[in-house]
Amino acid sequence: QLKFFEQLERLEKQRKDEQEREILLKAAKSRSRQEDPEQ
């Protein structure tokens, strides 16, 4: 059971990392002239 929960946590962390990576890649590809500090 503990191994199963650890695997679930690992998959959830991997999914969040993938989402964050996609957001960062989209931000890196954007070519807007007026960039805000967050961008």
Full PDB file with SEQRES, HELIX, SHEET, SSBOND, CRYST1, ORIGX, SCALE, CONECT and MASTER records, all heavy atoms in Angstrom:
SEQRES   1 A   39  GLN LEU LYS PHE PHE GLU GLN LEU GLU ARG LEU GLU LYS          
SEQRES   2 A   39  GLN ARG LYS ASP GLU GLN GLU ARG GLU ILE LEU LEU LYS          
SEQRES   3 A   39  ALA ALA LYS SER ARG SER ARG GLN GLU ASP PRO GLU GLN          
HELIX    1 AA1 LEU A    2  LYS A   29  1                                  28    
CRYST1    1.000    1.000    1.000  90.00  90.00  90.00 P 1           1          
ORIGX1      1.000000  0.000000  0.000000        0.00000                         
ORIGX2      0.000000  1.000000  0.000000        0.00000                         
ORIGX3      0.000000  0.000000  1.000000        0.00000                         
SCALE1      1.000000  0.000000  0.000000        0.00000                         
SCALE2      0.000000  1.000000  0.000000        0.00000                         
SCALE3      0.000000  0.000000  1.000000        0.00000                         
ATOM      1  N   GLN A   1       0.826  -1.206   0.000  1.00  0.00           N  
ATOM      2  CA  GLN A   1       0.000   0.000   0.000  1.00  0.00           C  
ATOM      3  C   GLN A   1       0.860   1.255   0.000  1.00  0.00           C  
ATOM      4  O   GLN A   1       0.581   2.215  -0.732  1.00  0.00           O  
ATOM      5  CB  GLN A   1      -0.933  -0.018   1.216  1.00  0.00           C  
ATOM      6  CG  GLN A   1      -1.974  -1.129   1.177  1.00  0.00           C  
ATOM      7  CD  GLN A   1      -2.761  -1.216   2.465  1.00  0.00           C  
ATOM      8  OE1 GLN A   1      -2.532  -0.471   3.399  1.00  0.00           O  
ATOM      9  NE2 GLN A   1      -3.696  -2.154   2.514  1.00  0.00           N  
ATOM     10  N   LEU A   2       1.913   1.255   0.810  1.00  0.00           N  
ATOM     11  CA  LEU A   2       2.792   2.424   0.842  1.00  0.00           C  
ATOM     12  C   LEU A   2       3.486   2.631  -0.504  1.00  0.00           C  
ATOM     13  O   LEU A   2       3.626   3.771  -0.976  1.00  0.00           O  
ATOM     14  CB  LEU A   2       3.834   2.255   1.953  1.00  0.00           C  
ATOM     15  CG  LEU A   2       3.312   2.371   3.391  1.00  0.00           C  
ATOM     16  CD1 LEU A   2       4.429   2.080   4.376  1.00  0.00           C  
ATOM     17  CD2 LEU A   2       2.745   3.760   3.648  1.00  0.00           C  
ATOM     18  N   LYS A   3       3.926   1.534  -1.131  1.00  0.00           N  
ATOM     19  CA  LYS A   3       4.553   1.657  -2.444  1.00  0.00           C  
ATOM     20  C   LYS A   3       3.572   2.219  -3.468  1.00  0.00           C  
ATOM     21  O   LYS A   3       3.928   3.033  -4.322  1.00  0.00           O  
ATOM     22  CB  LYS A   3       5.064   0.286  -2.904  1.00  0.00           C  
ATOM     23  CG  LYS A   3       6.321  -0.165  -2.195  1.00  0.00           C  
ATOM     24  CD  LYS A   3       6.815  -1.485  -2.757  1.00  0.00           C  
ATOM     25  CE  LYS A   3       8.096  -1.930  -2.061  1.00  0.00           C  
ATOM     26  NZ  LYS A   3       8.586  -3.236  -2.588  1.00  0.00           N  
ATOM     27  N   PHE A   4       2.296   1.795  -3.358  1.00  0.00           N  
ATOM     28  CA  PHE A   4       1.285   2.293  -4.283  1.00  0.00           C  
ATOM     29  C   PHE A   4       1.078   3.790  -4.106  1.00  0.00           C  
ATOM     30  O   PHE A   4       1.018   4.555  -5.083  1.00  0.00           O  
ATOM     31  CB  PHE A   4      -0.026   1.528  -4.046  1.00  0.00           C  
ATOM     32  CG  PHE A   4      -1.179   2.025  -4.869  1.00  0.00           C  
ATOM     33  CD1 PHE A   4      -1.233   1.766  -6.229  1.00  0.00           C  
ATOM     34  CD2 PHE A   4      -2.200   2.754  -4.285  1.00  0.00           C  
ATOM     35  CE1 PHE A   4      -2.295   2.225  -6.995  1.00  0.00           C  
ATOM     36  CE2 PHE A   4      -3.259   3.216  -5.040  1.00  0.00           C  
ATOM     37  CZ  PHE A   4      -3.304   2.954  -6.399  1.00  0.00           C  
ATOM     38  N   PHE A   5       1.007   4.248  -2.835  1.00  0.00           N  
ATOM     39  CA  PHE A   5       0.822   5.680  -2.587  1.00  0.00           C  
ATOM     40  C   PHE A   5       2.043   6.483  -3.035  1.00  0.00           C  
ATOM     41  O   PHE A   5       1.902   7.595  -3.562  1.00  0.00           O  
ATOM     42  CB  PHE A   5       0.545   5.927  -1.100  1.00  0.00           C  
ATOM     43  CG  PHE A   5      -0.830   5.503  -0.669  1.00  0.00           C  
ATOM     44  CD1 PHE A   5      -0.999   4.648   0.406  1.00  0.00           C  
ATOM     45  CD2 PHE A   5      -1.958   5.944  -1.347  1.00  0.00           C  
ATOM     46  CE1 PHE A   5      -2.272   4.248   0.801  1.00  0.00           C  
ATOM     47  CE2 PHE A   5      -3.229   5.553  -0.960  1.00  0.00           C  
ATOM     48  CZ  PHE A   5      -3.388   4.699   0.113  1.00  0.00           C  
ATOM     49  N   GLU A   6       3.234   5.925  -2.837  1.00  0.00           N  
ATOM     50  CA  GLU A   6       4.432   6.617  -3.308  1.00  0.00           C  
ATOM     51  C   GLU A   6       4.434   6.741  -4.830  1.00  0.00           C  
ATOM     52  O   GLU A   6       4.834   7.765  -5.383  1.00  0.00           O  
ATOM     53  CB  GLU A   6       5.676   5.858  -2.843  1.00  0.00           C  
ATOM     54  CG  GLU A   6       5.942   5.987  -1.352  1.00  0.00           C  
ATOM     55  CD  GLU A   6       7.121   5.135  -0.916  1.00  0.00           C  
ATOM     56  OE1 GLU A   6       7.698   4.449  -1.803  1.00  0.00           O  
ATOM     57  OE2 GLU A   6       7.459   5.158   0.276  1.00  0.00           O  
ATOM     58  N   GLN A   7       3.975   5.694  -5.497  1.00  0.00           N  
ATOM     59  CA  GLN A   7       3.911   5.749  -6.955  1.00  0.00           C  
ATOM     60  C   GLN A   7       2.895   6.793  -7.412  1.00  0.00           C  
ATOM     61  O   GLN A   7       3.133   7.533  -8.377  1.00  0.00           O  
ATOM     62  CB  GLN A   7       3.543   4.366  -7.499  1.00  0.00           C  
ATOM     63  CG  GLN A   7       3.635   4.262  -9.010  1.00  0.00           C  
ATOM     64  CD  GLN A   7       3.363   2.856  -9.496  1.00  0.00           C  
ATOM     65  OE1 GLN A   7       3.039   1.980  -8.700  1.00  0.00           O  
ATOM     66  NE2 GLN A   7       3.464   2.641 -10.792  1.00  0.00           N  
ATOM     67  N   LEU A   8       1.749   6.876  -6.714  1.00  0.00           N  
ATOM     68  CA  LEU A   8       0.759   7.900  -7.048  1.00  0.00           C  
ATOM     69  C   LEU A   8       1.336   9.303  -6.871  1.00  0.00           C  
ATOM     70  O   LEU A   8       1.138  10.182  -7.724  1.00  0.00           O  
ATOM     71  CB  LEU A   8      -0.482   7.740  -6.161  1.00  0.00           C  
ATOM     72  CG  LEU A   8      -1.474   6.627  -6.530  1.00  0.00           C  
ATOM     73  CD1 LEU A   8      -2.643   6.635  -5.560  1.00  0.00           C  
ATOM     74  CD2 LEU A   8      -1.976   6.807  -7.953  1.00  0.00           C  
ATOM     75  N   GLU A   9       2.054   9.519  -5.756  1.00  0.00           N  
ATOM     76  CA  GLU A   9       2.656  10.834  -5.526  1.00  0.00           C  
ATOM     77  C   GLU A   9       3.693  11.156  -6.599  1.00  0.00           C  
ATOM     78  O   GLU A   9       3.794  12.297  -7.065  1.00  0.00           O  
ATOM     79  CB  GLU A   9       3.303  10.869  -4.136  1.00  0.00           C  
ATOM     80  CG  GLU A   9       2.295  10.855  -2.994  1.00  0.00           C  
ATOM     81  CD  GLU A   9       2.968  10.850  -1.645  1.00  0.00           C  
ATOM     82  OE1 GLU A   9       4.222  10.840  -1.612  1.00  0.00           O  
ATOM     83  OE2 GLU A   9       2.257  10.864  -0.623  1.00  0.00           O  
ATOM     84  N   ARG A  10       4.459  10.135  -7.003  1.00  0.00           N  
ATOM     85  CA  ARG A  10       5.464  10.359  -8.036  1.00  0.00           C  
ATOM     86  C   ARG A  10       4.813  10.728  -9.369  1.00  0.00           C  
ATOM     87  O   ARG A  10       5.253  11.652 -10.067  1.00  0.00           O  
ATOM     88  CB  ARG A  10       6.316   9.093  -8.187  1.00  0.00           C  
ATOM     89  CG  ARG A  10       7.633   9.333  -8.882  1.00  0.00           C  
ATOM     90  CD  ARG A  10       8.433   8.048  -9.006  1.00  0.00           C  
ATOM     91  NE  ARG A  10       8.679   7.434  -7.726  1.00  0.00           N  
ATOM     92  CZ  ARG A  10       8.184   6.257  -7.360  1.00  0.00           C  
ATOM     93  NH1 ARG A  10       7.419   5.559  -8.193  1.00  0.00           N  
ATOM     94  NH2 ARG A  10       8.461   5.740  -6.171  1.00  0.00           N  
ATOM     95  N   LEU A  11       3.722  10.032  -9.719  1.00  0.00           N  
ATOM     96  CA  LEU A  11       3.024  10.343 -10.963  1.00  0.00           C  
ATOM     97  C   LEU A  11       2.394  11.733 -10.918  1.00  0.00           C  
ATOM     98  O   LEU A  11       2.412  12.476 -11.908  1.00  0.00           O  
ATOM     99  CB  LEU A  11       1.951   9.283 -11.229  1.00  0.00           C  
ATOM    100  CG  LEU A  11       2.457   7.881 -11.592  1.00  0.00           C  
ATOM    101  CD1 LEU A  11       1.289   6.909 -11.683  1.00  0.00           C  
ATOM    102  CD2 LEU A  11       3.224   7.921 -12.900  1.00  0.00           C  
ATOM    103  N   GLU A  12       1.834  12.096  -9.742  1.00  0.00           N  
ATOM    104  CA  GLU A  12       1.235  13.426  -9.604  1.00  0.00           C  
ATOM    105  C   GLU A  12       2.291  14.516  -9.732  1.00  0.00           C  
ATOM    106  O   GLU A  12       2.075  15.531 -10.402  1.00  0.00           O  
ATOM    107  CB  GLU A  12       0.528  13.520  -8.239  1.00  0.00           C  
ATOM    108  CG  GLU A  12      -0.186  14.834  -7.990  1.00  0.00           C  
ATOM    109  CD  GLU A  12      -1.382  15.018  -8.906  1.00  0.00           C  
ATOM    110  OE1 GLU A  12      -1.881  14.031  -9.466  1.00  0.00           O  
ATOM    111  OE2 GLU A  12      -1.817  16.183  -9.058  1.00  0.00           O  
ATOM    112  N   LYS A  13       3.458  14.296  -9.125  1.00  0.00           N  
ATOM    113  CA  LYS A  13       4.538  15.280  -9.232  1.00  0.00           C  
ATOM    114  C   LYS A  13       5.036  15.372 -10.671  1.00  0.00           C  
ATOM    115  O   LYS A  13       5.318  16.470 -11.179  1.00  0.00           O  
ATOM    116  CB  LYS A  13       5.683  14.870  -8.303  1.00  0.00           C  
ATOM    117  CG  LYS A  13       6.811  15.884  -8.234  1.00  0.00           C  
ATOM    118  CD  LYS A  13       7.863  15.444  -7.239  1.00  0.00           C  
ATOM    119  CE  LYS A  13       8.975  16.476  -7.123  1.00  0.00           C  
ATOM    120  NZ  LYS A  13       9.669  16.730  -8.394  1.00  0.00           N  
ATOM    121  N   GLN A  14       5.115  14.214 -11.347  1.00  0.00           N  
ATOM    122  CA  GLN A  14       5.560  14.233 -12.735  1.00  0.00           C  
ATOM    123  C   GLN A  14       4.563  14.988 -13.615  1.00  0.00           C  
ATOM    124  O   GLN A  14       4.955  15.754 -14.506  1.00  0.00           O  
ATOM    125  CB  GLN A  14       5.724  12.789 -13.222  1.00  0.00           C  
ATOM    126  CG  GLN A  14       6.285  12.676 -14.627  1.00  0.00           C  
ATOM    127  CD  GLN A  14       6.478  11.228 -15.039  1.00  0.00           C  
ATOM    128  OE1 GLN A  14       6.258  10.318 -14.235  1.00  0.00           O  
ATOM    129  NE2 GLN A  14       6.882  11.009 -16.271  1.00  0.00           N  
ATOM    130  N   ARG A  15       3.257  14.802 -13.329  1.00  0.00           N  
ATOM    131  CA  ARG A  15       2.243  15.519 -14.117  1.00  0.00           C  
ATOM    132  C   ARG A  15       2.333  17.031 -13.893  1.00  0.00           C  
ATOM    133  O   ARG A  15       2.256  17.821 -14.842  1.00  0.00           O  
ATOM    134  CB  ARG A  15       0.856  15.010 -13.722  1.00  0.00           C  
ATOM    135  CG  ARG A  15      -0.283  15.554 -14.582  1.00  0.00           C  
ATOM    136  CD  ARG A  15      -1.603  14.992 -14.121  1.00  0.00           C  
ATOM    137  NE  ARG A  15      -1.912  15.383 -12.757  1.00  0.00           N  
ATOM    138  CZ  ARG A  15      -2.453  16.571 -12.445  1.00  0.00           C  
ATOM    139  NH1 ARG A  15      -2.719  17.466 -13.390  1.00  0.00           N  
ATOM    140  NH2 ARG A  15      -2.709  16.862 -11.191  1.00  0.00           N  
ATOM    141  N   LYS A  16       2.531  17.440 -12.640  1.00  0.00           N  
ATOM    142  CA  LYS A  16       2.655  18.872 -12.359  1.00  0.00           C  
ATOM    143  C   LYS A  16       3.909  19.457 -12.996  1.00  0.00           C  
ATOM    144  O   LYS A  16       3.886  20.579 -13.526  1.00  0.00           O  
ATOM    145  CB  LYS A  16       2.690  19.103 -10.838  1.00  0.00           C  
ATOM    146  CG  LYS A  16       1.342  18.889 -10.166  1.00  0.00           C  
ATOM    147  CD  LYS A  16       1.423  19.188  -8.677  1.00  0.00           C  
ATOM    148  CE  LYS A  16       0.070  18.997  -8.009  1.00  0.00           C  
ATOM    149  NZ  LYS A  16       0.142  19.265  -6.540  1.00  0.00           N  
ATOM    150  N   ASP A  17       5.001  18.691 -12.977  1.00  0.00           N  
ATOM    151  CA  ASP A  17       6.223  19.172 -13.621  1.00  0.00           C  
ATOM    152  C   ASP A  17       6.031  19.325 -15.122  1.00  0.00           C  
ATOM    153  O   ASP A  17       6.537  20.284 -15.722  1.00  0.00           O  
ATOM    154  CB  ASP A  17       7.376  18.200 -13.327  1.00  0.00           C  
ATOM    155  CG  ASP A  17       7.799  18.220 -11.869  1.00  0.00           C  
ATOM    156  OD1 ASP A  17       7.424  19.178 -11.164  1.00  0.00           O  
ATOM    157  OD2 ASP A  17       8.473  17.258 -11.423  1.00  0.00           O  
ATOM    158  N   GLU A  18       5.303  18.386 -15.721  1.00  0.00           N  
ATOM    159  CA  GLU A  18       5.035  18.494 -17.170  1.00  0.00           C  
ATOM    160  C   GLU A  18       4.186  19.720 -17.478  1.00  0.00           C  
ATOM    161  O   GLU A  18       4.439  20.441 -18.453  1.00  0.00           O  
ATOM    162  CB  GLU A  18       4.336  17.222 -17.658  1.00  0.00           C  
ATOM    163  CG  GLU A  18       5.224  15.981 -17.695  1.00  0.00           C  
ATOM    164  CD  GLU A  18       6.310  16.089 -18.742  1.00  0.00           C  
ATOM    165  OE1 GLU A  18       6.104  16.794 -19.747  1.00  0.00           O  
ATOM    166  OE2 GLU A  18       7.375  15.479 -18.552  1.00  0.00           O  
ATOM    167  N   GLN A  19       3.161  19.971 -16.656  1.00  0.00           N  
ATOM    168  CA  GLN A  19       2.327  21.162 -16.868  1.00  0.00           C  
ATOM    169  C   GLN A  19       3.152  22.438 -16.731  1.00  0.00           C  
ATOM    170  O   GLN A  19       3.040  23.372 -17.554  1.00  0.00           O  
ATOM    171  CB  GLN A  19       1.168  21.178 -15.864  1.00  0.00           C  
ATOM    172  CG  GLN A  19       0.100  20.129 -16.125  1.00  0.00           C  
ATOM    173  CD  GLN A  19      -1.018  20.177 -15.098  1.00  0.00           C  
ATOM    174  OE1 GLN A  19      -0.927  20.888 -14.100  1.00  0.00           O  
ATOM    175  NE2 GLN A  19      -2.057  19.390 -15.329  1.00  0.00           N  
ATOM    176  N   GLU A  20       3.984  22.493 -15.693  1.00  0.00           N  
ATOM    177  CA  GLU A  20       4.827  23.682 -15.504  1.00  0.00           C  
ATOM    178  C   GLU A  20       5.806  23.845 -16.664  1.00  0.00           C  
ATOM    179  O   GLU A  20       6.070  24.968 -17.127  1.00  0.00           O  
ATOM    180  CB  GLU A  20       5.579  23.557 -14.179  1.00  0.00           C  
ATOM    181  CG  GLU A  20       6.370  24.798 -13.809  1.00  0.00           C  
ATOM    182  CD  GLU A  20       7.070  24.658 -12.474  1.00  0.00           C  
ATOM    183  OE1 GLU A  20       6.916  23.607 -11.823  1.00  0.00           O  
ATOM    184  OE2 GLU A  20       7.774  25.602 -12.085  1.00  0.00           O  
ATOM    185  N   ARG A  21       6.306  22.737 -17.169  1.00  0.00           N  
ATOM    186  CA  ARG A  21       7.248  22.802 -18.292  1.00  0.00           C  
ATOM    187  C   ARG A  21       6.561  23.336 -19.550  1.00  0.00           C  
ATOM    188  O   ARG A  21       7.128  24.152 -20.278  1.00  0.00           O  
ATOM    189  CB  ARG A  21       7.814  21.399 -18.547  1.00  0.00           C  
ATOM    190  CG  ARG A  21       8.907  21.334 -19.583  1.00  0.00           C  
ATOM    191  CD  ARG A  21       9.541  19.945 -19.611  1.00  0.00           C  
ATOM    192  NE  ARG A  21      10.621  19.883 -20.554  1.00  0.00           N  
ATOM    193  CZ  ARG A  21      10.485  19.657 -21.867  1.00  0.00           C  
ATOM    194  NH1 ARG A  21       9.272  19.452 -22.361  1.00  0.00           N  
ATOM    195  NH2 ARG A  21      11.533  19.621 -22.659  1.00  0.00           N  
ATOM    196  N   GLU A  22       5.318  22.888 -19.777  1.00  0.00           N  
ATOM    197  CA  GLU A  22       4.581  23.387 -20.941  1.00  0.00           C  
ATOM    198  C   GLU A  22       4.317  24.889 -20.815  1.00  0.00           C  
ATOM    199  O   GLU A  22       4.441  25.651 -21.793  1.00  0.00           O  
ATOM    200  CB  GLU A  22       3.258  22.638 -21.077  1.00  0.00           C  
ATOM    201  CG  GLU A  22       3.424  21.184 -21.517  1.00  0.00           C  
ATOM    202  CD  GLU A  22       2.090  20.470 -21.608  1.00  0.00           C  
ATOM    203  OE1 GLU A  22       1.056  21.138 -21.378  1.00  0.00           O  
ATOM    204  OE2 GLU A  22       2.086  19.263 -21.895  1.00  0.00           O  
ATOM    205  N   ILE A  23       3.973  25.341 -19.620  1.00  0.00           N  
ATOM    206  CA  ILE A  23       3.725  26.776 -19.417  1.00  0.00           C  
ATOM    207  C   ILE A  23       4.997  27.575 -19.667  1.00  0.00           C  
ATOM    208  O   ILE A  23       4.988  28.633 -20.332  1.00  0.00           O  
ATOM    209  CB  ILE A  23       3.189  27.024 -17.990  1.00  0.00           C  
ATOM    210  CG1 ILE A  23       1.811  26.393 -17.838  1.00  0.00           C  
ATOM    211  CG2 ILE A  23       3.128  28.510 -17.686  1.00  0.00           C  
ATOM    212  CD1 ILE A  23       1.279  26.426 -16.419  1.00  0.00           C  
ATOM    213  N   LEU A  24       6.114  27.073 -19.172  1.00  0.00           N  
ATOM    214  CA  LEU A  24       7.379  27.783 -19.360  1.00  0.00           C  
ATOM    215  C   LEU A  24       7.786  27.802 -20.832  1.00  0.00           C  
ATOM    216  O   LEU A  24       8.297  28.814 -21.342  1.00  0.00           O  
ATOM    217  CB  LEU A  24       8.469  27.130 -18.510  1.00  0.00           C  
ATOM    218  CG  LEU A  24       8.324  27.283 -16.990  1.00  0.00           C  
ATOM    219  CD1 LEU A  24       9.402  26.487 -16.280  1.00  0.00           C  
ATOM    220  CD2 LEU A  24       8.389  28.739 -16.588  1.00  0.00           C  
ATOM    221  N   LEU A  25       7.567  26.675 -21.532  1.00  0.00           N  
ATOM    222  CA  LEU A  25       7.920  26.651 -22.958  1.00  0.00           C  
ATOM    223  C   LEU A  25       7.045  27.607 -23.765  1.00  0.00           C  
ATOM    224  O   LEU A  25       7.530  28.281 -24.688  1.00  0.00           O  
ATOM    225  CB  LEU A  25       7.797  25.227 -23.494  1.00  0.00           C  
ATOM    226  CG  LEU A  25       8.864  24.237 -22.999  1.00  0.00           C  
ATOM    227  CD1 LEU A  25       8.587  22.841 -23.535  1.00  0.00           C  
ATOM    228  CD2 LEU A  25      10.264  24.694 -23.411  1.00  0.00           C  
ATOM    229  N   LYS A  26       5.753  27.678 -23.437  1.00  0.00           N  
ATOM    230  CA  LYS A  26       4.879  28.639 -24.116  1.00  0.00           C  
ATOM    231  C   LYS A  26       5.325  30.064 -23.850  1.00  0.00           C  
ATOM    232  O   LYS A  26       5.318  30.920 -24.744  1.00  0.00           O  
ATOM    233  CB  LYS A  26       3.440  28.443 -23.646  1.00  0.00           C  
ATOM    234  CG  LYS A  26       2.772  27.201 -24.201  1.00  0.00           C  
ATOM    235  CD  LYS A  26       1.347  27.087 -23.688  1.00  0.00           C  
ATOM    236  CE  LYS A  26       0.689  25.809 -24.207  1.00  0.00           C  
ATOM    237  NZ  LYS A  26      -0.696  25.660 -23.675  1.00  0.00           N  
ATOM    238  N   ALA A  27       5.721  30.330 -22.601  1.00  0.00           N  
ATOM    239  CA  ALA A  27       6.185  31.680 -22.270  1.00  0.00           C  
ATOM    240  C   ALA A  27       7.486  32.011 -22.991  1.00  0.00           C  
ATOM    241  O   ALA A  27       7.708  33.150 -23.409  1.00  0.00           O  
ATOM    242  CB  ALA A  27       6.386  31.798 -20.759  1.00  0.00           C  
ATOM    243  N   ALA A  28       8.349  31.005 -23.163  1.00  0.00           N  
ATOM    244  CA  ALA A  28       9.612  31.253 -23.852  1.00  0.00           C  
ATOM    245  C   ALA A  28       9.406  31.500 -25.340  1.00  0.00           C  
ATOM    246  O   ALA A  28      10.152  32.266 -25.964  1.00  0.00           O  
ATOM    247  CB  ALA A  28      10.555  30.075 -23.641  1.00  0.00           C  
ATOM    248  N   LYS A  29       8.365  30.882 -25.931  1.00  0.00           N  
ATOM    249  CA  LYS A  29       8.111  31.036 -27.371  1.00  0.00           C  
ATOM    250  C   LYS A  29       7.313  32.295 -27.699  1.00  0.00           C  
ATOM    251  O   LYS A  29       7.246  32.685 -28.857  1.00  0.00           O  
ATOM    252  CB  LYS A  29       7.358  29.810 -27.887  1.00  0.00           C  
ATOM    253  CG  LYS A  29       8.205  28.540 -27.897  1.00  0.00           C  
ATOM    254  CD  LYS A  29       7.392  27.351 -28.369  1.00  0.00           C  
ATOM    255  CE  LYS A  29       8.226  26.080 -28.348  1.00  0.00           C  
ATOM    256  NZ  LYS A  29       7.442  24.896 -28.761  1.00  0.00           N  
ATOM    257  N   SER A  30       6.681  32.871 -26.691  1.00  0.00           N  
ATOM    258  CA  SER A  30       5.870  34.059 -26.974  1.00  0.00           C  
ATOM    259  C   SER A  30       6.777  35.225 -27.356  1.00  0.00           C  
ATOM    260  O   SER A  30       7.849  35.425 -26.778  1.00  0.00           O  
ATOM    261  CB  SER A  30       5.039  34.430 -25.741  1.00  0.00           C  
ATOM    262  OG  SER A  30       5.878  34.832 -24.695  1.00  0.00           O  
ATOM    263  N   ARG A  31       6.324  36.039 -28.353  1.00  0.00           N  
ATOM    264  CA  ARG A  31       7.137  37.135 -28.869  1.00  0.00           C  
ATOM    265  C   ARG A  31       6.395  38.472 -28.727  1.00  0.00           C  
ATOM    266  O   ARG A  31       6.487  39.330 -29.590  1.00  0.00           O  
ATOM    267  CB  ARG A  31       7.490  36.899 -30.330  1.00  0.00           C  
ATOM    268  CG  ARG A  31       8.305  35.631 -30.537  1.00  0.00           C  
ATOM    269  CD  ARG A  31       8.708  35.474 -31.981  1.00  0.00           C  
ATOM    270  NE  ARG A  31       9.533  34.286 -32.185  1.00  0.00           N  
ATOM    271  CZ  ARG A  31      10.845  34.255 -32.007  1.00  0.00           C  
ATOM    272  NH1 ARG A  31      11.476  35.347 -31.610  1.00  0.00           N  
ATOM    273  NH2 ARG A  31      11.523  33.142 -32.221  1.00  0.00           N  
ATOM    274  N   SER A  32       5.678  38.615 -27.664  1.00  0.00           N  
ATOM    275  CA  SER A  32       4.973  39.878 -27.446  1.00  0.00           C  
ATOM    276  C   SER A  32       5.976  40.976 -27.115  1.00  0.00           C  
ATOM    277  O   SER A  32       6.942  40.763 -26.387  1.00  0.00           O  
ATOM    278  CB  SER A  32       3.971  39.727 -26.287  1.00  0.00           C  
ATOM    279  OG  SER A  32       4.639  39.339 -25.109  1.00  0.00           O  
ATOM    280  N   ARG A  33       5.754  42.184 -27.717  1.00  0.00           N  
ATOM    281  CA  ARG A  33       6.700  43.286 -27.538  1.00  0.00           C  
ATOM    282  C   ARG A  33       6.595  43.885 -26.127  1.00  0.00           C  
ATOM    283  O   ARG A  33       7.602  44.203 -25.514  1.00  0.00           O  
ATOM    284  CB  ARG A  33       6.436  44.370 -28.581  1.00  0.00           C  
ATOM    285  CG  ARG A  33       6.753  43.895 -29.991  1.00  0.00           C  
ATOM    286  CD  ARG A  33       6.503  44.997 -30.980  1.00  0.00           C  
ATOM    287  NE  ARG A  33       6.823  44.573 -32.349  1.00  0.00           N  
ATOM    288  CZ  ARG A  33       6.681  45.344 -33.406  1.00  0.00           C  
ATOM    289  NH1 ARG A  33       6.193  46.582 -33.275  1.00  0.00           N  
ATOM    290  NH2 ARG A  33       6.997  44.885 -34.604  1.00  0.00           N  
ATOM    291  N   GLN A  34       5.388  44.041 -25.664  1.00  0.00           N  
ATOM    292  CA  GLN A  34       5.192  44.602 -24.334  1.00  0.00           C  
ATOM    293  C   GLN A  34       5.058  43.453 -23.325  1.00  0.00           C  
ATOM    294  O   GLN A  34       3.990  42.875 -23.184  1.00  0.00           O  
ATOM    295  CB  GLN A  34       3.940  45.489 -24.302  1.00  0.00           C  
ATOM    296  CG  GLN A  34       4.043  46.698 -25.211  1.00  0.00           C  
ATOM    297  CD  GLN A  34       2.778  47.531 -25.167  1.00  0.00           C  
ATOM    298  OE1 GLN A  34       1.773  47.119 -24.590  1.00  0.00           O  
ATOM    299  NE2 GLN A  34       2.839  48.701 -25.788  1.00  0.00           N  
ATOM    300  N   GLU A  35       6.153  43.134 -22.711  1.00  0.00           N  
ATOM    301  CA  GLU A  35       6.167  42.027 -21.760  1.00  0.00           C  
ATOM    302  C   GLU A  35       6.000  42.566 -20.344  1.00  0.00           C  
ATOM    303  O   GLU A  35       6.645  43.538 -19.958  1.00  0.00           O  
ATOM    304  CB  GLU A  35       7.482  41.256 -21.852  1.00  0.00           C  
ATOM    305  CG  GLU A  35       7.656  40.505 -23.165  1.00  0.00           C  
ATOM    306  CD  GLU A  35       8.935  39.696 -23.144  1.00  0.00           C  
ATOM    307  OE1 GLU A  35       9.702  39.871 -22.175  1.00  0.00           O  
ATOM    308  OE2 GLU A  35       9.160  38.925 -24.089  1.00  0.00           O  
ATOM    309  N   ASP A  36       5.124  41.929 -19.605  1.00  0.00           N  
ATOM    310  CA  ASP A  36       4.980  42.283 -18.192  1.00  0.00           C  
ATOM    311  C   ASP A  36       6.061  41.569 -17.375  1.00  0.00           C  
ATOM    312  O   ASP A  36       6.719  40.656 -17.872  1.00  0.00           O  
ATOM    313  CB  ASP A  36       3.579  41.924 -17.689  1.00  0.00           C  
ATOM    314  CG  ASP A  36       3.265  40.455 -17.896  1.00  0.00           C  
ATOM    315  OD1 ASP A  36       4.061  39.777 -18.577  1.00  0.00           O  
ATOM    316  OD2 ASP A  36       2.248  39.972 -17.377  1.00  0.00           O  
ATOM    317  N   PRO A  37       6.284  41.983 -16.135  1.00  0.00           N  
ATOM    318  CA  PRO A  37       7.339  41.331 -15.318  1.00  0.00           C  
ATOM    319  C   PRO A  37       7.115  39.834 -15.125  1.00  0.00           C  
ATOM    320  O   PRO A  37       8.083  39.058 -15.083  1.00  0.00           O  
ATOM    321  CB  PRO A  37       7.231  42.081 -13.976  1.00  0.00           C  
ATOM    322  CG  PRO A  37       6.623  43.398 -14.317  1.00  0.00           C  
ATOM    323  CD  PRO A  37       5.695  43.142 -15.466  1.00  0.00           C  
ATOM    324  N   GLU A  38       5.859  39.423 -15.052  1.00  0.00           N  
ATOM    325  CA  GLU A  38       5.576  38.001 -14.874  1.00  0.00           C  
ATOM    326  C   GLU A  38       6.019  37.203 -16.099  1.00  0.00           C  
ATOM    327  O   GLU A  38       6.580  36.111 -15.986  1.00  0.00           O  
ATOM    328  CB  GLU A  38       4.078  37.806 -14.614  1.00  0.00           C  
ATOM    329  CG  GLU A  38       3.665  36.369 -14.381  1.00  0.00           C  
ATOM    330  CD  GLU A  38       4.232  35.808 -13.085  1.00  0.00           C  
ATOM    331  OE1 GLU A  38       4.622  36.588 -12.193  1.00  0.00           O  
ATOM    332  OE2 GLU A  38       4.302  34.563 -12.963  1.00  0.00           O  
ATOM    333  N   GLN A  39       5.764  37.771 -17.284  1.00  0.00           N  
ATOM    334  CA  GLN A  39       6.180  37.110 -18.522  1.00  0.00           C  
ATOM    335  C   GLN A  39       7.705  37.010 -18.590  1.00  0.00           C  
ATOM    336  O   GLN A  39       8.260  35.982 -18.991  1.00  0.00           O  
ATOM    337  CB  GLN A  39       5.648  37.893 -19.721  1.00  0.00           C  
ATOM    338  CG  GLN A  39       5.764  37.153 -21.043  1.00  0.00           C  
ATOM    339  CD  GLN A  39       4.714  36.068 -21.176  1.00  0.00           C  
ATOM    340  OE1 GLN A  39       3.779  36.019 -20.386  1.00  0.00           O  
ATOM    341  NE2 GLN A  39       4.867  35.210 -22.155  1.00  0.00           N  
TER     342      GLN A  39                                                      
MASTER        0    0    0    1    0    0    0    6  341    1    0    3          
END                                                                             
